[in-house]
Amino acid sequence: MAKFYEPDLGANTDDPFARDENGKLIRRPYWLDMSDRTLIMAMTQGIGENLSNDHKRAHIADLKRDHLIDQICTQEIIPPDR
């Protein structure tokens, strides 16, 4: 099973990334109502900006929007050792 981002629900009980005890996204309609473009912006410049690529990838795959992963997950380029 993918490792999803686990928000601090004590600080924000309405966090859109909240999941139930079975790992099911609680606010799924919030995400499904977004267009692809809006979802990309939310994950790259908005509420998902600080998530790791692994968390973003798991979340996007759970929403069945795998076709957006390359646009959302930035690739880290590591320079070669000299």
Protein backbone atom coordinates (compact mmCIF):
# COMPACT_ATOMS: atom_id res chain seq x y z
CA MET A 1 0.00 0.00 0.00
CA ALA A 2 1.20 3.49 -0.83
CA LYS A 3 2.41 5.69 2.00
CA PHE A 4 0.10 8.70 2.13
CA TYR A 5 0.80 12.06 3.71
CA GLU A 6 -0.57 12.12 7.26
CA PRO A 7 -1.59 15.65 8.25
CA ASP A 8 -1.74 16.89 11.84
CA LEU A 9 -5.49 16.81 12.38
CA GLY A 10 -5.06 18.45 15.78
CA ALA A 11 -3.88 21.60 14.06
CA ASN A 12 -6.38 21.48 11.19
CA THR A 13 -9.35 19.13 11.43
CA ASP A 14 -10.51 20.13 7.93
CA ASP A 15 -7.27 19.20 6.17
CA PRO A 16 -8.13 18.00 2.63
CA PHE A 17 -5.46 15.27 2.91
CA ALA A 18 -7.20 13.64 5.92
CA ARG A 19 -7.84 9.90 5.69
CA ASP A 20 -9.88 7.53 7.79
CA GLU A 21 -8.53 4.53 9.72
CA ASN A 22 -8.66 2.43 6.53
CA GLY A 23 -6.62 4.94 4.54
CA LYS A 24 -9.61 6.20 2.54
CA LEU A 25 -9.54 9.88 1.64
CA ILE A 26 -12.25 11.61 3.69
CA ARG A 27 -12.66 14.70 1.51
CA ARG A 28 -12.51 12.87 -1.82
CA PRO A 29 -15.17 15.08 -3.51
CA TYR A 30 -12.99 18.13 -2.77
CA TRP A 31 -10.27 16.65 -4.97
CA LEU A 32 -12.49 15.04 -7.60
CA ASP A 33 -14.28 18.34 -8.26
CA MET A 34 -10.96 19.94 -9.31
CA SER A 35 -10.04 20.15 -12.96
CA ASP A 36 -6.65 18.72 -13.94
CA ARG A 37 -5.21 22.22 -14.22
CA THR A 38 -6.49 23.22 -10.77
CA LEU A 39 -5.17 20.02 -9.24
CA ILE A 40 -1.74 20.64 -10.76
CA MET A 41 -1.69 24.15 -9.31
CA ALA A 42 -2.88 22.97 -5.89
CA MET A 43 -0.15 20.34 -5.71
CA THR A 44 2.68 22.50 -7.09
CA GLN A 45 1.88 26.01 -5.85
CA GLY A 46 -0.80 25.52 -3.20
CA ILE A 47 -1.66 23.17 -0.36
CA GLY A 48 0.38 20.26 -1.69
CA GLU A 49 3.50 22.25 -2.55
CA ASN A 50 5.52 21.09 0.47
CA LEU A 51 4.67 17.39 0.18
CA SER A 52 7.36 14.97 -0.90
CA ASN A 53 7.18 13.56 -4.41
CA ASP A 54 6.32 10.16 -2.93
CA HIS A 55 3.35 11.62 -1.04
CA LYS A 56 2.19 13.56 -4.11
CA ARG A 57 2.52 10.47 -6.32
CA ALA A 58 0.51 8.30 -3.89
CA HIS A 59 -2.21 10.95 -3.56
CA ILE A 60 -2.53 11.53 -7.31
CA ALA A 61 -2.58 7.79 -8.03
CA ASP A 62 -5.31 7.34 -5.39
CA LEU A 63 -7.38 9.97 -7.23
CA LYS A 64 -6.90 7.99 -10.46
CA ARG A 65 -5.11 10.90 -12.12
CA ASP A 66 -1.82 9.14 -12.84
CA HIS A 67 -1.53 11.05 -16.12
CA LEU A 68 -0.69 14.19 -14.07
CA ILE A 69 2.19 12.74 -12.06
CA ASP A 70 4.93 13.99 -14.41
CA GLN A 71 3.49 17.51 -14.28
CA ILE A 72 3.15 17.52 -10.50
CA CYS A 73 6.23 15.68 -9.26
CA THR A 74 9.39 17.60 -9.92
CA GLN A 75 12.39 15.54 -10.79
CA GLU A 76 15.42 16.10 -8.65
CA ILE A 77 18.55 16.51 -10.70
CA ILE A 78 21.68 15.68 -8.77
CA PRO A 79 24.93 16.91 -10.26
CA PRO A 80 27.63 14.27 -10.80
CA ASP A 81 30.43 13.91 -8.28
CA ARG A 82 33.73 15.35 -9.44
